[in-house]
């Protein structure tokens, strides 16, 4: 069994639709302010685009932890 942790960053794009970015193995001591600031920086540098346009707004962020059991 392996414990997997991801950081899910949710943005609104130019069409107002949700867009998600996930990062594996985030630091365990991330603060909400730190994550929000990085998300705002991601929007400001404008290097990511989606089928609905560029990231325009921070929506939410969450850390997801799950147990993964490899069967074969």
Protein backbone atom coordinates (compact mmCIF):
# COMPACT_ATOMS: atom_id res chain seq x y z
CA UNK A 1 0.00 0.00 0.00
CA UNK A 2 1.28 3.44 -0.90
CA UNK A 3 0.03 6.77 0.41
CA UNK A 4 -0.40 9.30 -2.42
CA UNK A 5 -0.89 13.02 -1.85
CA UNK A 6 -1.83 15.61 -4.47
CA UNK A 7 -2.51 19.32 -4.38
CA UNK A 8 -5.52 20.23 -6.53
CA UNK A 9 -5.65 23.84 -7.74
CA UNK A 10 -8.98 24.94 -9.20
CA UNK A 11 -9.27 28.02 -11.40
CA UNK A 12 -12.00 29.70 -13.46
CA UNK A 13 -11.06 30.27 -17.08
CA UNK A 14 -12.06 33.05 -19.47
CA UNK A 15 -15.40 31.32 -20.16
CA UNK A 16 -16.12 31.05 -16.42
CA UNK A 17 -15.65 27.27 -16.46
CA UNK A 18 -13.62 25.30 -13.95
CA UNK A 19 -10.07 24.26 -14.80
CA UNK A 20 -7.99 22.02 -12.57
CA UNK A 21 -4.24 21.65 -12.09
CA UNK A 22 -2.85 18.86 -9.90
CA UNK A 23 0.60 18.58 -8.36
CA UNK A 24 1.94 15.35 -6.87
CA UNK A 25 3.58 15.15 -3.45
CA UNK A 26 3.10 18.71 -2.17
CA UNK A 27 4.89 19.94 0.92
CA UNK A 28 2.98 18.91 4.04
CA UNK A 29 3.06 22.35 5.68
CA UNK A 30 1.43 24.46 2.95
CA UNK A 31 -0.76 27.30 4.20
CA UNK A 32 -3.92 28.54 2.50
CA UNK A 33 -2.37 32.00 2.01
CA UNK A 34 0.75 30.51 0.43
CA UNK A 35 -1.27 28.42 -2.03
CA UNK A 36 -3.58 31.33 -2.91
CA UNK A 37 -0.57 33.59 -3.58
CA UNK A 38 0.99 31.01 -5.89
CA UNK A 39 -2.31 30.56 -7.73
CA UNK A 40 -2.55 34.32 -8.22
CA UNK A 41 1.04 34.29 -9.55
CA UNK A 42 0.10 31.51 -12.00
CA UNK A 43 -2.75 33.67 -13.30
CA UNK A 44 -0.51 36.76 -13.52
CA UNK A 45 2.20 35.10 -15.64
CA UNK A 46 -0.50 33.83 -18.03
CA UNK A 47 1.37 30.80 -19.37
CA UNK A 48 -1.46 28.26 -19.10
CA UNK A 49 -4.47 28.14 -21.37
CA UNK A 50 -7.44 25.81 -21.63
CA UNK A 51 -10.04 25.14 -24.29
CA UNK A 52 -12.09 27.79 -22.46
CA UNK A 53 -9.29 30.36 -22.46
CA UNK A 54 -6.68 31.47 -19.95
CA UNK A 55 -6.94 31.10 -16.17
CA UNK A 56 -8.71 34.22 -14.88
CA UNK A 57 -9.72 33.61 -11.27
CA UNK A 58 -8.75 31.52 -8.24
CA UNK A 59 -11.58 29.16 -7.31
CA UNK A 60 -10.33 26.69 -4.67
CA UNK A 61 -7.50 24.42 -3.59
CA UNK A 62 -7.36 21.16 -1.69
CA UNK A 63 -4.90 18.52 -0.60
CA UNK A 64 -6.07 15.01 -1.44
CA UNK A 65 -4.59 11.98 0.30
CA UNK A 66 -5.40 8.42 -0.77
CA UNK A 67 -4.14 4.89 -0.25
CA UNK A 68 -3.10 3.17 -3.46
CA UNK A 69 -2.91 -0.61 -3.56
CA UNK A 70 -1.15 -1.95 -6.62
CA UNK A 71 -2.74 -5.23 -7.70
CA UNK A 72 -0.17 -6.22 -10.34
